[in-house]
Protein backbone atom coordinates (compact mmCIF):
# COMPACT_ATOMS: atom_id res chain seq x y z
CA UNK A 1 17.26 2.04 -7.63
CA UNK A 2 14.68 0.08 -6.01
CA UNK A 3 11.87 -0.30 -3.39
CA UNK A 4 10.60 -2.87 -1.19
CA UNK A 5 7.18 -2.65 0.40
CA UNK A 6 6.33 -5.10 3.32
CA UNK A 7 2.76 -5.50 4.96
CA UNK A 8 3.85 -7.33 8.17
CA UNK A 9 2.82 -8.05 11.70
CA UNK A 10 5.33 -9.34 14.36
CA UNK A 11 3.27 -10.83 17.13
CA UNK A 12 5.98 -9.94 19.67
CA UNK A 13 7.83 -9.38 21.82
CA UNK A 14 10.21 -7.57 19.39
CA UNK A 15 13.82 -8.47 18.73
CA UNK A 16 16.07 -8.32 15.70
CA UNK A 17 14.17 -9.17 12.76
CA UNK A 18 15.43 -8.87 9.24
CA UNK A 19 13.39 -7.71 6.23
CA UNK A 20 15.92 -8.68 3.60
CA UNK A 21 19.49 -9.75 2.92
CA UNK A 22 21.21 -8.54 -0.38
CA UNK A 23 23.54 -11.66 -0.05
CA UNK A 24 21.03 -14.36 -1.07
CA UNK A 25 23.33 -17.11 0.23
CA UNK A 26 22.79 -15.58 3.77
CA UNK A 27 26.66 -15.34 3.91
CA UNK A 28 26.61 -12.15 5.93
CA UNK A 29 24.30 -9.96 8.21
CA UNK A 30 20.95 -8.85 6.83
CA UNK A 31 20.55 -5.31 5.61
CA UNK A 32 17.39 -3.88 7.02
CA UNK A 33 15.95 -4.76 10.57
CA UNK A 34 13.36 -4.14 13.22
CA UNK A 35 15.29 -3.79 16.38
CA UNK A 36 14.25 -4.90 19.80
CA UNK A 37 13.19 -1.29 20.76
CA UNK A 38 10.96 -0.97 17.68
CA UNK A 39 13.66 1.17 15.72
CA UNK A 40 13.90 0.13 11.91
CA UNK A 41 16.89 0.48 9.89
CA UNK A 42 20.58 -0.48 10.01
CA UNK A 43 23.77 1.02 11.30
CA UNK A 44 25.39 1.79 8.11
CA UNK A 45 22.30 3.86 6.86
CA UNK A 46 20.71 5.02 10.24
CA UNK A 47 17.78 4.06 12.37
CA UNK A 48 14.23 5.47 12.78
CA UNK A 49 13.39 6.39 16.35
CA UNK A 50 12.91 3.75 18.90
CA UNK A 51 9.16 2.82 19.00
CA UNK A 52 8.44 3.32 15.37
CA UNK A 53 7.42 -0.27 14.85
CA UNK A 54 4.93 -1.73 17.22
CA UNK A 55 4.61 -5.60 18.03
CA UNK A 56 1.15 -7.07 17.61
CA UNK A 57 0.21 -4.37 14.90
CA UNK A 58 0.23 -4.48 11.06
CA UNK A 59 2.52 -2.11 9.55
CA UNK A 60 3.40 -1.10 5.93
CA UNK A 61 7.29 -0.86 5.80
CA UNK A 62 8.74 0.70 2.90
CA UNK A 63 12.66 0.70 1.99
CA UNK A 64 13.30 2.95 -1.02
CA UNK A 65 16.80 3.41 -2.31
CA UNK A 66 18.48 5.50 -5.12
CA UNK A 67 21.98 4.25 -4.30
CA UNK A 68 23.67 6.22 -7.06
CA UNK A 69 22.30 9.52 -5.51
CA UNK A 70 23.25 8.20 -1.98
CA UNK A 71 19.43 8.50 -0.88
CA UNK A 72 17.65 5.69 1.21
CA UNK A 73 14.31 6.44 2.66
CA UNK A 74 12.16 4.58 5.06
CA UNK A 75 8.43 4.92 5.37
CA UNK A 76 6.14 3.43 7.91
CA UNK A 77 2.23 3.35 7.30
CA UNK A 78 2.84 6.24 4.67
CA UNK A 79 4.96 8.50 6.89
CA UNK A 80 8.68 9.14 6.29
CA UNK A 81 10.61 8.04 9.36
CA UNK A 82 14.29 8.26 8.06
CA UNK A 83 16.15 9.50 5.05
CA UNK A 84 19.88 8.91 4.55
CA UNK A 85 21.59 11.28 2.33
CA UNK A 86 25.32 11.39 1.39
CA UNK A 87 27.87 9.65 -0.76
CA UNK A 88 26.79 7.10 -3.43
CA UNK A 89 26.30 3.54 -2.45
CA UNK A 90 26.45 1.93 -5.80
CA UNK A 91 27.71 -1.54 -6.08
CA UNK A 92 28.15 -1.70 -2.21
CA UNK A 93 26.39 -3.54 0.50
CA UNK A 94 22.73 -2.45 -0.41
CA UNK A 95 23.10 -3.16 -4.24
CA UNK A 96 21.05 -6.13 -5.59
CA UNK A 97 22.26 -8.77 -7.97
CA UNK A 98 20.50 -8.47 -11.45
CA UNK A 99 19.39 -10.98 -13.81
CA UNK A 100 22.79 -11.68 -15.27
CA UNK A 101 23.42 -13.55 -12.12
CA UNK A 102 21.85 -16.89 -11.07
CA UNK A 103 18.74 -16.71 -8.79
CA UNK A 104 18.15 -16.33 -6.16
CA UNK A 105 18.87 -12.57 -5.92
CA UNK A 106 17.77 -11.57 -2.32
CA UNK A 107 16.86 -13.32 0.76
CA UNK A 108 13.80 -12.28 2.89
CA UNK A 109 13.28 -12.48 6.58
CA UNK A 110 16.55 -14.24 7.43
CA UNK A 111 20.34 -13.68 7.69
CA UNK A 112 23.56 -15.45 8.59
CA UNK A 113 23.28 -15.86 12.40
CA UNK A 114 19.64 -16.64 12.99
CA UNK A 115 18.22 -13.19 13.90
CA UNK A 116 14.79 -14.09 12.98
CA UNK A 117 11.27 -13.83 14.47
CA UNK A 118 7.92 -15.04 13.89
CA UNK A 119 6.35 -12.71 11.24
CA UNK A 120 3.01 -12.73 9.53
CA UNK A 121 3.22 -11.28 5.97
CA UNK A 122 0.15 -9.72 4.41
CA UNK A 123 1.81 -8.69 1.16
CA UNK A 124 5.17 -7.88 -0.49
CA UNK A 125 5.99 -5.69 -3.42
CA UNK A 126 9.17 -4.84 -5.28
CA UNK A 127 9.54 -1.88 -7.60
CA UNK A 128 12.74 -1.23 -9.79
CA UNK A 129 12.75 2.45 -8.86
CA UNK A 130 12.61 4.60 -5.73
CA UNK A 131 9.24 6.23 -4.60
CA UNK A 132 8.39 9.68 -3.50
CA UNK A 133 6.96 10.79 -0.05
CA UNK A 134 3.76 11.50 -1.97
CA UNK A 135 3.52 7.98 -3.36
CA UNK A 136 4.30 6.44 0.13
CA UNK A 137 1.58 8.57 1.75
CA UNK A 138 -0.94 7.46 -1.08
CA UNK A 139 -0.10 3.85 -0.27
CA UNK A 140 -0.50 4.58 3.31
CA UNK A 141 -1.24 1.81 5.94
CA UNK A 142 -1.74 -1.84 5.33
CA UNK A 143 -4.69 -3.01 3.50
CA UNK A 144 -6.19 -6.50 3.31
CA UNK A 145 -6.81 -5.95 -0.57
CA UNK A 146 -3.14 -5.53 -1.23
CA UNK A 147 -0.48 -2.99 -1.83
CA UNK A 148 -1.32 -1.63 -5.20
CA UNK A 149 -4.81 -3.36 -5.76
CA UNK A 150 -7.97 -1.37 -5.27
CA UNK A 151 -10.86 -2.99 -3.25
CA UNK A 152 -13.39 -5.11 -5.03
CA UNK A 153 -16.38 -3.18 -6.48
CA UNK A 154 -18.79 -1.99 -3.87
CA UNK A 155 -22.36 -3.45 -4.28
CA UNK A 156 -25.40 -1.08 -4.34
CA UNK A 157 -27.58 -2.05 -1.54
CA UNK A 158 -30.57 0.24 -2.33
CA UNK A 159 -32.06 2.23 -5.20
CA UNK A 160 -35.09 4.45 -5.36
CA UNK A 161 -36.81 6.62 -7.91
CA UNK A 162 -38.75 9.79 -7.16
CA UNK A 163 -41.47 9.49 -9.75
CA UNK A 164 -42.40 13.21 -9.48
CA UNK A 165 -38.96 14.33 -10.47
CA UNK A 166 -37.29 11.25 -12.11
CA UNK A 167 -34.43 11.70 -9.56
CA UNK A 168 -32.63 8.18 -8.97
CA UNK A 169 -30.98 7.71 -5.53
CA UNK A 170 -28.50 5.02 -4.94
CA UNK A 171 -27.35 3.85 -1.42
CA UNK A 172 -24.66 1.50 -0.37
CA UNK A 173 -22.57 0.31 2.50
CA UNK A 174 -19.40 2.45 2.68
CA UNK A 175 -16.33 2.99 4.78
CA UNK A 176 -16.38 6.12 6.55
CA UNK A 177 -13.98 8.75 5.06
CA UNK A 178 -13.40 6.71 1.88
CA UNK A 179 -14.24 8.24 -1.43
CA UNK A 180 -16.45 6.55 -4.11
CA UNK A 181 -17.31 7.19 -7.80
CA UNK A 182 -20.61 6.43 -9.37
CA UNK A 183 -21.05 5.39 -13.14
CA UNK A 184 -24.00 5.06 -15.27
CA UNK A 185 -24.70 3.21 -18.55
CA UNK A 186 -27.53 2.39 -20.93
CA UNK A 187 -25.92 -0.75 -22.47
CA UNK A 188 -23.38 -2.05 -19.87
CA UNK A 189 -20.56 -1.41 -22.36
CA UNK A 190 -20.17 2.39 -22.43
CA UNK A 191 -20.10 3.94 -18.95
CA UNK A 192 -20.28 7.60 -17.94
CA UNK A 193 -18.78 8.73 -14.66
CA UNK A 194 -21.41 10.92 -12.92
CA UNK A 195 -19.25 11.81 -9.85
CA UNK A 196 -16.09 10.66 -8.16
CA UNK A 197 -16.41 12.47 -4.80
CA UNK A 198 -18.87 10.75 -2.72
CA UNK A 199 -17.45 10.22 0.72
CA UNK A 200 -18.79 7.64 3.16
CA UNK A 201 -20.24 8.84 6.57
CA UNK A 202 -21.42 6.45 9.27
CA UNK A 203 -20.92 3.34 7.29
CA UNK A 204 -23.19 4.44 4.31
CA UNK A 205 -23.10 6.63 1.20
CA UNK A 206 -25.61 7.84 -1.13
CA UNK A 207 -25.82 9.66 -4.57
CA UNK A 208 -28.65 11.10 -6.55
CA UNK A 209 -28.71 11.49 -10.30
CA UNK A 210 -31.21 14.31 -11.02
CA UNK A 211 -34.21 14.24 -13.50
CA UNK A 212 -33.38 11.03 -15.51
CA UNK A 213 -35.39 11.10 -18.76
CA UNK A 214 -36.96 7.42 -19.21
CA UNK A 215 -37.39 8.06 -22.88
CA UNK A 216 -33.67 8.52 -23.31
CA UNK A 217 -32.49 6.10 -20.57
CA UNK A 218 -35.07 3.19 -20.59
CA UNK A 219 -32.64 0.73 -19.27
CA UNK A 220 -30.38 2.77 -16.91
CA UNK A 221 -27.64 0.73 -15.17
CA UNK A 222 -25.46 1.85 -12.43
CA UNK A 223 -22.08 0.94 -10.58
CA UNK A 224 -20.14 2.15 -7.63
CA UNK A 225 -16.53 2.17 -7.48
CA UNK A 226 -14.39 2.20 -4.40
CA UNK A 227 -11.58 4.62 -4.91
């Protein structure tokens, strides 16, 4: 039961390009490929449709296996592109060596007969469990900040106070369609979440905390978190 996640770009043109080989000594063919027509997979499990994987473009490719259940699923950029179901695959071609065996345990981007291509790798992740379609969708497409890491905190670019109402408005540079949370603190130790549903529009976002009492909050501090 395991999952590989690859953020990769193949400059092209496409040809056979392996993702991993469960025989770490490269003694046989690799176990998951991009094919020359842009299909991803392997004959023993099945291939996603031709044109699934495109040259010259970053993709997040996920291979997720529950071998005891006979299920292997491929995702591309958060979308399920193939699922194999059937007889159990335990202790067969797609099983990995465990820590009772000497390292290395798996070989990446190579196999026994030189079926390799130039590939740019942004990030790789390995999990000791399969993932669901919902998790793959949440992981989505490649992100320069990594596979599981959130983006760095978003800096506030403007703050204004309406003295007639004590309303405090924050503005910041934002990615359109991305959600942000705003927190406030009076001591930089304890933080209160004011909202978690501000959505960036047109490269900017803003939030107003209404009627801030300066007697209760004489040193009000704010932060914006990129969700």
